C-alpha atoms as a PDB file:
ATOM      1  CA  MET A   1     -50.737 -26.480  40.403  1.00  0.00           C
ATOM      2  CA  SER A   2     -47.951 -27.814  38.294  1.00  0.00           C
ATOM      3  CA  THR A   3     -49.205 -25.906  35.247  1.00  0.00           C
ATOM      4  CA  PRO A   4     -48.203 -22.381  36.391  1.00  0.00           C
ATOM      5  CA  ASN A   5     -44.622 -23.503  37.102  1.00  0.00           C
ATOM      6  CA  ALA A   6     -44.256 -25.410  33.810  1.00  0.00           C
ATOM      7  CA  GLU A   7     -45.011 -22.358  31.651  1.00  0.00           C
ATOM      8  CA  PRO A   8     -42.100 -20.169  32.925  1.00  0.00           C
ATOM      9  CA  GLN A   9     -39.711 -23.112  32.576  1.00  0.00           C
ATOM     10  CA  VAL A  10     -40.716 -23.571  28.922  1.00  0.00           C
ATOM     11  CA  LYS A  11     -40.265 -19.834  28.288  1.00  0.00           C
ATOM     12  CA  ASN A  12     -36.851 -19.860  30.002  1.00  0.00           C
ATOM     13  CA  HIS A  13     -35.803 -22.871  27.948  1.00  0.00           C
ATOM     14  CA  GLU A  14     -36.925 -21.169  24.723  1.00  0.00           C
ATOM     15  CA  TRP A  15     -35.208 -17.939  25.764  1.00  0.00           C
ATOM     16  CA  ASN A  16     -31.940 -19.776  26.521  1.00  0.00           C
ATOM     17  CA  LYS A  17     -32.171 -21.588  23.198  1.00  0.00           C
ATOM     18  CA  THR A  18     -32.732 -18.287  21.368  1.00  0.00           C
ATOM     19  CA  MET A  19     -29.828 -16.621  23.190  1.00  0.00           C
ATOM     20  CA  THR A  20     -27.536 -19.533  22.329  1.00  0.00           C
ATOM     21  CA  SER A  21     -28.545 -19.298  18.656  1.00  0.00           C
ATOM     22  CA  ALA A  22     -27.991 -15.525  18.626  1.00  0.00           C
ATOM     23  CA  THR A  23     -24.589 -15.901  20.278  1.00  0.00           C
ATOM     24  CA  ASP A  24     -23.581 -18.571  17.764  1.00  0.00           C
ATOM     25  CA  ALA A  25     -24.738 -16.378  14.867  1.00  0.00           C
ATOM     26  CA  ALA A  26     -22.827 -13.359  16.193  1.00  0.00           C
ATOM     27  CA  SER A  27     -19.718 -15.471  16.619  1.00  0.00           C
ATOM     28  CA  ALA A  28     -20.007 -16.805  13.057  1.00  0.00           C
ATOM     29  CA  ILE A  29     -20.486 -13.285  11.679  1.00  0.00           C
ATOM     30  CA  SER A  30     -17.471 -12.046  13.605  1.00  0.00           C
ATOM     31  CA  GLU A  31     -15.349 -14.899  12.288  1.00  0.00           C
ATOM     32  CA  MET A  32     -16.509 -14.295   8.698  1.00  0.00           C
ATOM     33  CA  SER A  33     -15.745 -10.576   8.905  1.00  0.00           C
ATOM     34  CA  GLY A  34     -12.284 -11.402  10.245  1.00  0.00           C
ATOM     35  CA  HIS A  35     -11.662 -13.715   7.301  1.00  0.00           C
ATOM     36  CA  ALA A  36     -12.964 -11.094   4.859  1.00  0.00           C
ATOM     37  CA  ALA A  37     -10.722  -8.384   6.330  1.00  0.00           C
ATOM     38  CA  GLY A  38      -7.756 -10.760   6.139  1.00  0.00           C
ATOM     39  CA  ALA A  39      -8.492 -11.547   2.498  1.00  0.00           C
ATOM     40  CA  VAL A  40      -8.800  -7.850   1.656  1.00  0.00           C
ATOM     41  CA  GLY A  41      -5.520  -7.232   3.451  1.00  0.00           C
ATOM     42  CA  GLU A  42      -3.766  -9.943   1.450  1.00  0.00           C
ATOM     43  CA  VAL A  43      -5.040  -8.566  -1.868  1.00  0.00           C
ATOM     44  CA  VAL A  44      -4.068  -5.005  -0.989  1.00  0.00           C
ATOM     45  CA  THR A  45      -0.670  -6.158   0.305  1.00  0.00           C
ATOM     46  CA  GLY A  46      -0.017  -7.964  -2.980  1.00  0.00           C
ATOM     47  CA  ALA A  47      -0.948  -4.847  -4.904  1.00  0.00           C
ATOM     48  CA  ALA A  48       1.281  -2.663  -2.724  1.00  0.00           C
ATOM     49  CA  THR A  49       4.194  -5.051  -3.216  1.00  0.00           C
ATOM     50  CA  ALA A  50       3.720  -4.993  -6.985  1.00  0.00           C
ATOM     51  CA  ILE A  51       3.563  -1.188  -6.938  1.00  0.00           C
ATOM     52  CA  GLY A  52       6.736  -1.054  -4.826  1.00  0.00           C
ATOM     53  CA  GLU A  53       8.581  -3.315  -7.255  1.00  0.00           C
ATOM     54  CA  GLY A  54       7.425  -1.168 -10.166  1.00  0.00           C
ATOM     55  CA  ALA A  55       8.609   1.958  -8.340  1.00  0.00           C
ATOM     56  CA  ASP A  56      12.012   0.318  -7.790  1.00  0.00           C
ATOM     57  CA  ARG A  57      12.346  -0.448 -11.506  1.00  0.00           C
ATOM     58  CA  LEU A  58      11.245   3.061 -12.461  1.00  0.00           C
ATOM     59  CA  THR A  59      13.683   4.637 -10.003  1.00  0.00           C
ATOM     60  CA  ALA A  60      16.579   2.537 -11.329  1.00  0.00           C
ATOM     61  CA  SER A  61      15.683   3.396 -14.917  1.00  0.00           C
ATOM     62  CA  THR A  62      15.467   7.098 -14.093  1.00  0.00           C
ATOM     63  CA  GLY A  63      18.848   6.910 -12.356  1.00  0.00           C
ATOM     64  CA  GLN A  64      20.411   5.352 -15.458  1.00  0.00           C
ATOM     65  CA  ARG A  65      18.990   8.091 -17.647  1.00  0.00           C
ATOM     66  CA  ILE A  66      20.254  10.817 -15.336  1.00  0.00           C
ATOM     67  CA  GLN A  67      23.714   9.225 -15.396  1.00  0.00           C
ATOM     68  CA  ALA A  68      23.610   9.238 -19.195  1.00  0.00           C
ATOM     69  CA  LEU A  69      22.620  12.910 -19.097  1.00  0.00           C
ATOM     70  CA  GLY A  70      25.587  13.660 -16.814  1.00  0.00           C
ATOM     71  CA  SER A  71      27.909  11.805 -19.181  1.00  0.00           C
ATOM     72  CA  ALA A  72      26.541  13.719 -22.156  1.00  0.00           C
ATOM     73  CA  MET A  73      26.975  17.002 -20.272  1.00  0.00           C
ATOM     74  CA  GLY A  74      30.598  16.075 -19.544  1.00  0.00           C
ATOM     75  CA  ASP A  75      31.249  15.098 -23.161  1.00  0.00           C
ATOM     76  CA  CYS A  76      29.690  18.257 -24.627  1.00  0.00           C
ATOM     77  CA  SER A  77      31.127  20.814 -22.209  1.00  0.00           C
ATOM     78  CA  PRO A  78      34.594  22.385 -22.230  1.00  0.00           C
ATOM     79  CA  LYS A  79      37.305  20.285 -20.602  1.00  0.00           C
ATOM     80  CA  SER A  80      39.659  22.999 -19.333  1.00  0.00           C
ATOM     81  CA  GLY A  81      39.616  26.470 -17.891  1.00  0.00           C
ATOM     82  CA  LEU A  82      37.283  27.945 -15.320  1.00  0.00           C
ATOM     83  CA  LEU A  83      34.156  27.187 -17.371  1.00  0.00           C
ATOM     84  CA  GLY A  84      35.419  23.669 -18.117  1.00  0.00           C
ATOM     85  CA  ASP A  85      36.106  22.923 -14.461  1.00  0.00           C
ATOM     86  CA  ALA A  86      32.642  24.147 -13.449  1.00  0.00           C
ATOM     87  CA  SER A  87      30.833  22.243 -16.205  1.00  0.00           C
ATOM     88  CA  GLN A  88      32.782  19.028 -15.496  1.00  0.00           C
ATOM     89  CA  ALA A  89      31.992  19.337 -11.780  1.00  0.00           C
ATOM     90  CA  MET A  90      28.314  19.824 -12.612  1.00  0.00           C
ATOM     91  CA  ALA A  91      28.330  16.823 -14.956  1.00  0.00           C
ATOM     92  CA  GLU A  92      29.973  14.697 -12.253  1.00  0.00           C
ATOM     93  CA  THR A  93      27.375  15.813  -9.710  1.00  0.00           C
ATOM     94  CA  VAL A  94      24.542  14.882 -12.084  1.00  0.00           C
ATOM     95  CA  LYS A  95      26.140  11.448 -12.665  1.00  0.00           C
ATOM     96  CA  ARG A  96      26.487  10.874  -8.909  1.00  0.00           C
ATOM     97  CA  GLY A  97      22.833  11.763  -8.438  1.00  0.00           C
ATOM     98  CA  GLY A  98      21.904   9.281 -11.156  1.00  0.00           C
ATOM     99  CA  ARG A  99      23.964   6.539  -9.500  1.00  0.00           C
ATOM    100  CA  TYR A 100      22.289   7.277  -6.171  1.00  0.00           C
ATOM    101  CA  LEU A 101      18.841   7.034  -7.743  1.00  0.00           C
ATOM    102  CA  GLU A 102      19.748   3.824  -9.547  1.00  0.00           C
ATOM    103  CA  ARG A 103      20.841   2.187  -6.299  1.00  0.00           C
ATOM    104  CA  ALA A 104      18.070   3.637  -4.144  1.00  0.00           C
ATOM    105  CA  LYS A 105      15.164   1.322  -3.680  1.00  0.00           C
ATOM    106  CA  MET A 106      11.697   2.486  -2.902  1.00  0.00           C
ATOM    107  CA  SER A 107      10.984  -0.890  -1.296  1.00  0.00           C
ATOM    108  CA  GLY A 108      11.816   0.548   2.134  1.00  0.00           C
ATOM    109  CA  SER A 109       8.969   2.968   1.623  1.00  0.00           C
ATOM    110  CA  SER A 110       6.754   0.276   0.175  1.00  0.00           C
ATOM    111  CA  ALA A 111       7.479  -1.977   3.164  1.00  0.00           C
ATOM    112  CA  ALA A 112       6.195   0.759   5.466  1.00  0.00           C
ATOM    113  CA  VAL A 113       3.116   1.229   3.282  1.00  0.00           C
ATOM    114  CA  THR A 114       2.563  -2.541   3.181  1.00  0.00           C
ATOM    115  CA  GLU A 115       2.654  -2.709   6.979  1.00  0.00           C
ATOM    116  CA  LEU A 116       0.215   0.184   7.229  1.00  0.00           C
ATOM    117  CA  ILE A 117      -2.132  -1.594   4.808  1.00  0.00           C
ATOM    118  CA  ARG A 118      -1.896  -4.811   6.822  1.00  0.00           C
ATOM    119  CA  GLN A 119      -2.826  -2.946   9.974  1.00  0.00           C
ATOM    120  CA  HIS A 120      -5.777  -1.131   8.360  1.00  0.00           C
ATOM    121  CA  PRO A 121      -6.991  -3.187   5.352  1.00  0.00           C
ATOM    122  CA  ILE A 122     -10.521  -1.823   5.093  1.00  0.00           C
ATOM    123  CA  ALA A 123      -9.470   1.817   5.471  1.00  0.00           C
ATOM    124  CA  SER A 124      -6.746   1.231   2.886  1.00  0.00           C
ATOM    125  CA  MET A 125      -9.204  -0.283   0.444  1.00  0.00           C
ATOM    126  CA  LEU A 126     -11.605   2.628   0.899  1.00  0.00           C
ATOM    127  CA  THR A 127      -8.738   5.091   0.408  1.00  0.00           C
ATOM    128  CA  GLY A 128      -7.818   3.345  -2.840  1.00  0.00           C
ATOM    129  CA  VAL A 129     -11.403   3.454  -4.064  1.00  0.00           C
ATOM    130  CA  ALA A 130     -11.645   7.160  -3.203  1.00  0.00           C
ATOM    131  CA  ALA A 131      -8.349   7.909  -4.942  1.00  0.00           C
ATOM    132  CA  GLY A 132      -9.501   5.998  -8.027  1.00  0.00           C
ATOM    133  CA  PHE A 133     -12.753   7.930  -8.043  1.00  0.00           C
ATOM    134  CA  LEU A 134     -10.944  11.278  -7.796  1.00  0.00           C
ATOM    135  CA  ILE A 135      -8.482  10.336 -10.546  1.00  0.00           C
ATOM    136  CA  ALA A 136     -11.333   9.210 -12.781  1.00  0.00           C
ATOM    137  CA  ARG A 137     -13.164  12.509 -12.178  1.00  0.00           C
ATOM    138  CA  ALA A 138     -10.024  14.498 -12.946  1.00  0.00           C
ATOM    139  CA  LEU A 139      -9.429  12.578 -16.173  1.00  0.00           C
ATOM    140  CA  LYS A 140     -13.074  12.890 -17.216  1.00  0.00           C
ATOM    141  CA  ASP A 141     -13.031  16.698 -17.052  1.00  0.00           C
END
């Protein structure tokens, strides 16, 4: 009579053991995917920071060139009279715009993009891959 009761206990023990193994495996997979997403986020964040710094340098350089253009406009245009006043005012406006661009940093924008990438690393990576694919297709044609 002890045989019928022993069989369900063995099955329950095996079932519990299997459930514990499955739970442990699921937990390990979840932890690994979390680490992978974090690593992807760090790589993408580094890339976004580098792009932001490059954009800052490019903006400053463009601002310097626009200032030089404004200076050249002021040097080459008449200095007096109605036309001179208008051309000098335009040259000064162009120089002010160049100074603004030189001082403006895109890093505020890149900080927002970096935060967005940190919040959604996998979607950001897929967006980058899709953009690269579309650029490659456009350049191929």
